[in-house]
Amino acid sequence: MNEDVQVQSHWTVDETLRKVPQTAKVFIKYKTQCVGCFLQKFCKIKDVAEVYQVNLDEFLKSLNDKKGE
């Protein structure tokens, strides 16, 4: 993945996991059930933050911090 690309709130969970597989750890850390969920092709990152009541900016920062691993 291009290091200049940032995970965006409008990306689906599936798109995020395909582009940056390391982010699976973040979804697990935040205790979401997104990894392996049949809805991951439809749920956007902003939806995950809303459903799991996490701060979107912090969640995006965590996802983007995982890019370099």
PDB file of N, CA and C in Angstrom:
ATOM      1  N   MET A   1       0.837  -1.187   0.000  1.00  0.00           N
ATOM      2  CA  MET A   1       0.000   0.000   0.000  1.00  0.00           C
ATOM      3  C   MET A   1       0.874   1.239   0.000  1.00  0.00           C
ATOM      4  N   ASN A   2       0.435   2.250  -0.682  1.00  0.00           N
ATOM      5  CA  ASN A   2       1.124   3.526  -0.716  1.00  0.00           C
ATOM      6  C   ASN A   2       1.038   4.170   0.666  1.00  0.00           C
ATOM      7  N   GLU A   3       2.192   4.497   1.228  1.00  0.00           N
ATOM      8  CA  GLU A   3       2.230   5.069   2.579  1.00  0.00           C
ATOM      9  C   GLU A   3       1.545   6.430   2.660  1.00  0.00           C
ATOM     10  N   ASP A   4       1.370   7.113   1.528  1.00  0.00           N
ATOM     11  CA  ASP A   4       0.721   8.422   1.530  1.00  0.00           C
ATOM     12  C   ASP A   4      -0.796   8.322   1.655  1.00  0.00           C
ATOM     13  N   VAL A   5      -1.337   7.156   1.371  1.00  0.00           N
ATOM     14  CA  VAL A   5      -2.785   6.960   1.427  1.00  0.00           C
ATOM     15  C   VAL A   5      -3.201   6.767   2.883  1.00  0.00           C
ATOM     16  N   GLN A   6      -4.246   7.464   3.276  1.00  0.00           N
ATOM     17  CA  GLN A   6      -4.759   7.371   4.641  1.00  0.00           C
ATOM     18  C   GLN A   6      -6.109   6.661   4.634  1.00  0.00           C
ATOM     19  N   VAL A   7      -6.336   5.812   5.633  1.00  0.00           N
ATOM     20  CA  VAL A   7      -7.651   5.194   5.797  1.00  0.00           C
ATOM     21  C   VAL A   7      -8.656   6.324   5.971  1.00  0.00           C
ATOM     22  N   GLN A   8      -9.768   6.235   5.275  1.00  0.00           N
ATOM     23  CA  GLN A   8     -10.781   7.283   5.285  1.00  0.00           C
ATOM     24  C   GLN A   8     -12.077   6.781   5.920  1.00  0.00           C
ATOM     25  N   SER A   9     -12.835   7.686   6.492  1.00  0.00           N
ATOM     26  CA  SER A   9     -14.079   7.313   7.172  1.00  0.00           C
ATOM     27  C   SER A   9     -15.121   6.748   6.214  1.00  0.00           C
ATOM     28  N   HIS A  10     -15.020   7.071   4.922  1.00  0.00           N
ATOM     29  CA  HIS A  10     -15.998   6.559   3.950  1.00  0.00           C
ATOM     30  C   HIS A  10     -15.603   5.188   3.381  1.00  0.00           C
ATOM     31  N   TRP A  11     -14.416   4.681   3.735  1.00  0.00           N
ATOM     32  CA  TRP A  11     -14.010   3.349   3.291  1.00  0.00           C
ATOM     33  C   TRP A  11     -14.852   2.306   4.007  1.00  0.00           C
ATOM     34  N   THR A  12     -15.124   1.206   3.331  1.00  0.00           N
ATOM     35  CA  THR A  12     -15.793   0.093   4.009  1.00  0.00           C
ATOM     36  C   THR A  12     -14.755  -0.657   4.836  1.00  0.00           C
ATOM     37  N   VAL A  13     -15.250  -1.458   5.759  1.00  0.00           N
ATOM     38  CA  VAL A  13     -14.358  -2.301   6.559  1.00  0.00           C
ATOM     39  C   VAL A  13     -13.586  -3.230   5.623  1.00  0.00           C
ATOM     40  N   ASP A  14     -14.283  -3.815   4.663  1.00  0.00           N
ATOM     41  CA  ASP A  14     -13.646  -4.727   3.712  1.00  0.00           C
ATOM     42  C   ASP A  14     -12.523  -4.033   2.942  1.00  0.00           C
ATOM     43  N   GLU A  15     -12.796  -2.855   2.447  1.00  0.00           N
ATOM     44  CA  GLU A  15     -11.790  -2.086   1.702  1.00  0.00           C
ATOM     45  C   GLU A  15     -10.577  -1.798   2.586  1.00  0.00           C
ATOM     46  N   THR A  16     -10.834  -1.424   3.830  1.00  0.00           N
ATOM     47  CA  THR A  16      -9.755  -1.126   4.770  1.00  0.00           C
ATOM     48  C   THR A  16      -8.899  -2.360   5.021  1.00  0.00           C
ATOM     49  N   LEU A  17      -9.542  -3.487   5.280  1.00  0.00           N
ATOM     50  CA  LEU A  17      -8.799  -4.716   5.563  1.00  0.00           C
ATOM     51  C   LEU A  17      -8.033  -5.216   4.338  1.00  0.00           C
ATOM     52  N   ARG A  18      -8.574  -5.019   3.157  1.00  0.00           N
ATOM     53  CA  ARG A  18      -7.864  -5.430   1.937  1.00  0.00           C
ATOM     54  C   ARG A  18      -6.647  -4.550   1.682  1.00  0.00           C
ATOM     55  N   LYS A  19      -6.817  -3.241   1.866  1.00  0.00           N
ATOM     56  CA  LYS A  19      -5.724  -2.308   1.587  1.00  0.00           C
ATOM     57  C   LYS A  19      -4.673  -2.305   2.691  1.00  0.00           C
ATOM     58  N   VAL A  20      -5.127  -2.487   3.931  1.00  0.00           N
ATOM     59  CA  VAL A  20      -4.219  -2.425   5.082  1.00  0.00           C
ATOM     60  C   VAL A  20      -4.570  -3.573   6.041  1.00  0.00           C
ATOM     61  N   PRO A  21      -4.130  -4.790   5.739  1.00  0.00           N
ATOM     62  CA  PRO A  21      -4.502  -5.949   6.559  1.00  0.00           C
ATOM     63  C   PRO A  21      -4.128  -5.814   8.042  1.00  0.00           C
ATOM     64  N   GLN A  22      -3.085  -5.030   8.319  1.00  0.00           N
ATOM     65  CA  GLN A  22      -2.652  -4.843   9.705  1.00  0.00           C
ATOM     66  C   GLN A  22      -3.721  -4.197  10.578  1.00  0.00           C
ATOM     67  N   THR A  23      -4.697  -3.543   9.961  1.00  0.00           N
ATOM     68  CA  THR A  23      -5.737  -2.867  10.735  1.00  0.00           C
ATOM     69  C   THR A  23      -6.673  -3.843  11.442  1.00  0.00           C
ATOM     70  N   ALA A  24      -6.618  -5.112  11.094  1.00  0.00           N
ATOM     71  CA  ALA A  24      -7.450  -6.106  11.784  1.00  0.00           C
ATOM     72  C   ALA A  24      -7.213  -6.033  13.289  1.00  0.00           C
ATOM     73  N   LYS A  25      -5.971  -5.784  13.679  1.00  0.00           N
ATOM     74  CA  LYS A  25      -5.632  -5.682  15.106  1.00  0.00           C
ATOM     75  C   LYS A  25      -6.372  -4.520  15.772  1.00  0.00           C
ATOM     76  N   VAL A  26      -6.573  -3.449  15.032  1.00  0.00           N
ATOM     77  CA  VAL A  26      -7.271  -2.274  15.578  1.00  0.00           C
ATOM     78  C   VAL A  26      -8.745  -2.598  15.810  1.00  0.00           C
ATOM     79  N   PHE A  27      -9.373  -3.258  14.837  1.00  0.00           N
ATOM     80  CA  PHE A  27     -10.778  -3.641  15.003  1.00  0.00           C
ATOM     81  C   PHE A  27     -10.943  -4.541  16.226  1.00  0.00           C
ATOM     82  N   ILE A  28      -9.995  -5.433  16.434  1.00  0.00           N
ATOM     83  CA  ILE A  28     -10.046  -6.332  17.596  1.00  0.00           C
ATOM     84  C   ILE A  28      -9.792  -5.550  18.882  1.00  0.00           C
ATOM     85  N   LYS A  29      -8.809  -4.648  18.855  1.00  0.00           N
ATOM     86  CA  LYS A  29      -8.497  -3.827  20.036  1.00  0.00           C
ATOM     87  C   LYS A  29      -9.715  -3.037  20.504  1.00  0.00           C
ATOM     88  N   TYR A  30     -10.482  -2.522  19.553  1.00  0.00           N
ATOM     89  CA  TYR A  30     -11.679  -1.749  19.880  1.00  0.00           C
ATOM     90  C   TYR A  30     -12.891  -2.639  20.162  1.00  0.00           C
ATOM     91  N   LYS A  31     -12.650  -3.943  20.216  1.00  0.00           N
ATOM     92  CA  LYS A  31     -13.689  -4.933  20.552  1.00  0.00           C
ATOM     93  C   LYS A  31     -14.883  -4.880  19.597  1.00  0.00           C
ATOM     94  N   THR A  32     -14.584  -4.665  18.312  1.00  0.00           N
ATOM     95  CA  THR A  32     -15.642  -4.730  17.310  1.00  0.00           C
ATOM     96  C   THR A  32     -15.751  -6.172  16.826  1.00  0.00           C
ATOM     97  N   GLN A  33     -16.802  -6.458  16.141  1.00  0.00           N
ATOM     98  CA  GLN A  33     -16.987  -7.786  15.552  1.00  0.00           C
ATOM     99  C   GLN A  33     -16.868  -7.704  14.033  1.00  0.00           C
ATOM    100  N   CYS A  34     -16.117  -6.718  13.571  1.00  0.00           N
ATOM    101  CA  CYS A  34     -16.041  -6.422  12.134  1.00  0.00           C
ATOM    102  C   CYS A  34     -15.238  -7.443  11.331  1.00  0.00           C
ATOM    103  N   VAL A  35     -14.144  -7.927  11.884  1.00  0.00           N
ATOM    104  CA  VAL A  35     -13.296  -8.857  11.146  1.00  0.00           C
ATOM    105  C   VAL A  35     -14.060 -10.165  10.961  1.00  0.00           C
ATOM    106  N   GLY A  36     -14.339 -10.487   9.709  1.00  0.00           N
ATOM    107  CA  GLY A  36     -15.079 -11.706   9.392  1.00  0.00           C
ATOM    108  C   GLY A  36     -16.586 -11.536   9.336  1.00  0.00           C
ATOM    109  N   CYS A  37     -17.079 -10.352   9.656  1.00  0.00           N
ATOM    110  CA  CYS A  37     -18.522 -10.103   9.623  1.00  0.00           C
ATOM    111  C   CYS A  37     -19.006 -10.060   8.174  1.00  0.00           C
ATOM    112  N   PHE A  38     -20.174 -10.629   7.934  1.00  0.00           N
ATOM    113  CA  PHE A  38     -20.707 -10.639   6.570  1.00  0.00           C
ATOM    114  C   PHE A  38     -21.105  -9.246   6.079  1.00  0.00           C
ATOM    115  N   LEU A  39     -21.196  -8.278   6.971  1.00  0.00           N
ATOM    116  CA  LEU A  39     -21.550  -6.907   6.575  1.00  0.00           C
ATOM    117  C   LEU A  39     -20.335  -6.022   6.299  1.00  0.00           C
ATOM    118  N   GLN A  40     -19.127  -6.582   6.422  1.00  0.00           N
ATOM    119  CA  GLN A  40     -17.938  -5.739   6.274  1.00  0.00           C
ATOM    120  C   GLN A  40     -17.810  -5.108   4.887  1.00  0.00           C
ATOM    121  N   LYS A  41     -18.511  -5.646   3.899  1.00  0.00           N
ATOM    122  CA  LYS A  41     -18.480  -5.041   2.559  1.00  0.00           C
ATOM    123  C   LYS A  41     -19.395  -3.822   2.462  1.00  0.00           C
ATOM    124  N   PHE A  42     -20.233  -3.632   3.461  1.00  0.00           N
ATOM    125  CA  PHE A  42     -21.210  -2.543   3.434  1.00  0.00           C
ATOM    126  C   PHE A  42     -20.953  -1.482   4.497  1.00  0.00           C
ATOM    127  N   CYS A  43     -20.445  -1.875   5.653  1.00  0.00           N
ATOM    128  CA  CYS A  43     -20.223  -0.936   6.759  1.00  0.00           C
ATOM    129  C   CYS A  43     -19.005  -0.073   6.489  1.00  0.00           C
ATOM    130  N   LYS A  44     -19.190   1.206   6.675  1.00  0.00           N
ATOM    131  CA  LYS A  44     -18.094   2.154   6.515  1.00  0.00           C
ATOM    132  C   LYS A  44     -17.441   2.388   7.881  1.00  0.00           C
ATOM    133  N   ILE A  45     -16.228   2.885   7.856  1.00  0.00           N
ATOM    134  CA  ILE A  45     -15.498   3.147   9.094  1.00  0.00           C
ATOM    135  C   ILE A  45     -16.303   4.079   9.999  1.00  0.00           C
ATOM    136  N   LYS A  46     -16.943   5.083   9.424  1.00  0.00           N
ATOM    137  CA  LYS A  46     -17.749   6.003  10.238  1.00  0.00           C
ATOM    138  C   LYS A  46     -18.929   5.273  10.879  1.00  0.00           C
ATOM    139  N   ASP A  47     -19.473   4.250  10.215  1.00  0.00           N
ATOM    140  CA  ASP A  47     -20.557   3.449  10.793  1.00  0.00           C
ATOM    141  C   ASP A  47     -20.054   2.648  11.989  1.00  0.00           C
ATOM    142  N   VAL A  48     -18.864   2.090  11.851  1.00  0.00           N
ATOM    143  CA  VAL A  48     -18.269   1.304  12.940  1.00  0.00           C
ATOM    144  C   VAL A  48     -18.099   2.186  14.174  1.00  0.00           C
ATOM    145  N   ALA A  49     -17.571   3.394  13.979  1.00  0.00           N
ATOM    146  CA  ALA A  49     -17.373   4.312  15.102  1.00  0.00           C
ATOM    147  C   ALA A  49     -18.697   4.636  15.782  1.00  0.00           C
ATOM    148  N   GLU A  50     -19.730   4.836  14.986  1.00  0.00           N
ATOM    149  CA  GLU A  50     -21.041   5.158  15.551  1.00  0.00           C
ATOM    150  C   GLU A  50     -21.636   3.966  16.301  1.00  0.00           C
ATOM    151  N   VAL A  51     -21.618   2.807  15.683  1.00  0.00           N
ATOM    152  CA  VAL A  51     -22.223   1.618  16.288  1.00  0.00           C
ATOM    153  C   VAL A  51     -21.512   1.234  17.584  1.00  0.00           C
ATOM    154  N   TYR A  52     -20.183   1.308  17.585  1.00  0.00           N
ATOM    155  CA  TYR A  52     -19.416   0.899  18.761  1.00  0.00           C
ATOM    156  C   TYR A  52     -19.109   2.070  19.688  1.00  0.00           C
ATOM    157  N   GLN A  53     -19.669   3.230  19.385  1.00  0.00           N
ATOM    158  CA  GLN A  53     -19.552   4.430  20.216  1.00  0.00           C
ATOM    159  C   GLN A  53     -18.099   4.764  20.557  1.00  0.00           C
ATOM    160  N   VAL A  54     -17.291   4.850  19.493  1.00  0.00           N
ATOM    161  CA  VAL A  54     -15.903   5.269  19.661  1.00  0.00           C
ATOM    162  C   VAL A  54     -15.706   6.574  18.897  1.00  0.00           C
ATOM    163  N   ASN A  55     -14.751   7.350  19.341  1.00  0.00           N
ATOM    164  CA  ASN A  55     -14.445   8.618  18.694  1.00  0.00           C
ATOM    165  C   ASN A  55     -13.874   8.338  17.305  1.00  0.00           C
ATOM    166  N   LEU A  56     -14.505   8.875  16.280  1.00  0.00           N
ATOM    167  CA  LEU A  56     -14.102   8.607  14.898  1.00  0.00           C
ATOM    168  C   LEU A  56     -12.665   9.044  14.631  1.00  0.00           C
ATOM    169  N   ASP A  57     -12.284  10.217  15.098  1.00  0.00           N
ATOM    170  CA  ASP A  57     -10.925  10.709  14.846  1.00  0.00           C
ATOM    171  C   ASP A  57      -9.875   9.811  15.492  1.00  0.00           C
ATOM    172  N   GLU A  58     -10.128   9.370  16.724  1.00  0.00           N
ATOM    173  CA  GLU A  58      -9.192   8.477  17.408  1.00  0.00           C
ATOM    174  C   GLU A  58      -9.120   7.122  16.708  1.00  0.00           C
ATOM    175  N   PHE A  59     -10.277   6.624  16.271  1.00  0.00           N
ATOM    176  CA  PHE A  59     -10.331   5.344  15.574  1.00  0.00           C
ATOM    177  C   PHE A  59      -9.545   5.422  14.263  1.00  0.00           C
ATOM    178  N   LEU A  60      -9.753   6.489  13.498  1.00  0.00           N
ATOM    179  CA  LEU A  60      -9.008   6.670  12.249  1.00  0.00           C
ATOM    180  C   LEU A  60      -7.511   6.785  12.509  1.00  0.00           C
ATOM    181  N   LYS A  61      -7.136   7.499  13.560  1.00  0.00           N
ATOM    182  CA  LYS A  61      -5.714   7.622  13.897  1.00  0.00           C
ATOM    183  C   LYS A  61      -5.128   6.254  14.200  1.00  0.00           C
ATOM    184  N   SER A  62      -5.840   5.444  14.971  1.00  0.00           N
ATOM    185  CA  SER A  62      -5.364   4.094  15.285  1.00  0.00           C
ATOM    186  C   SER A  62      -5.232   3.246  14.026  1.00  0.00           C
ATOM    187  N   LEU A  63      -6.206   3.335  13.141  1.00  0.00           N
ATOM    188  CA  LEU A  63      -6.147   2.574  11.886  1.00  0.00           C
ATOM    189  C   LEU A  63      -4.955   3.025  11.042  1.00  0.00           C
ATOM    190  N   ASN A  64      -4.733   4.312  10.965  1.00  0.00           N
ATOM    191  CA  ASN A  64      -3.627   4.826  10.158  1.00  0.00           C
ATOM    192  C   ASN A  64      -2.270   4.576  10.797  1.00  0.00           C
ATOM    193  N   ASP A  65      -2.212   4.505  12.114  1.00  0.00           N
ATOM    194  CA  ASP A  65      -0.951   4.188  12.790  1.00  0.00           C
ATOM    195  C   ASP A  65      -0.510   2.760  12.485  1.00  0.00           C
ATOM    196  N   LYS A  66      -1.450   1.877  12.186  1.00  0.00           N
ATOM    197  CA  LYS A  66      -1.136   0.474  11.889  1.00  0.00           C
ATOM    198  C   LYS A  66      -0.555   0.291  10.491  1.00  0.00           C
ATOM    199  N   LYS A  67      -0.668   1.299   9.636  1.00  0.00           N
ATOM    200  CA  LYS A  67      -0.226   1.165   8.242  1.00  0.00           C
ATOM    201  C   LYS A  67       1.233   0.760   8.114  1.00  0.00           C
ATOM    202  N   GLY A  68       2.064   1.314   8.958  1.00  0.00           N
ATOM    203  CA  GLY A  68       3.499   1.083   8.821  1.00  0.00           C
ATOM    204  C   GLY A  68       3.996  -0.232   9.380  1.00  0.00           C
ATOM    205  N   GLU A  69       3.130  -0.982  10.006  1.00  0.00           N
ATOM    206  CA  GLU A  69       3.567  -2.246  10.625  1.00  0.00           C
ATOM    207  C   GLU A  69       3.651  -3.361   9.621  1.00  0.00           C
TER     208      GLU A  69
END
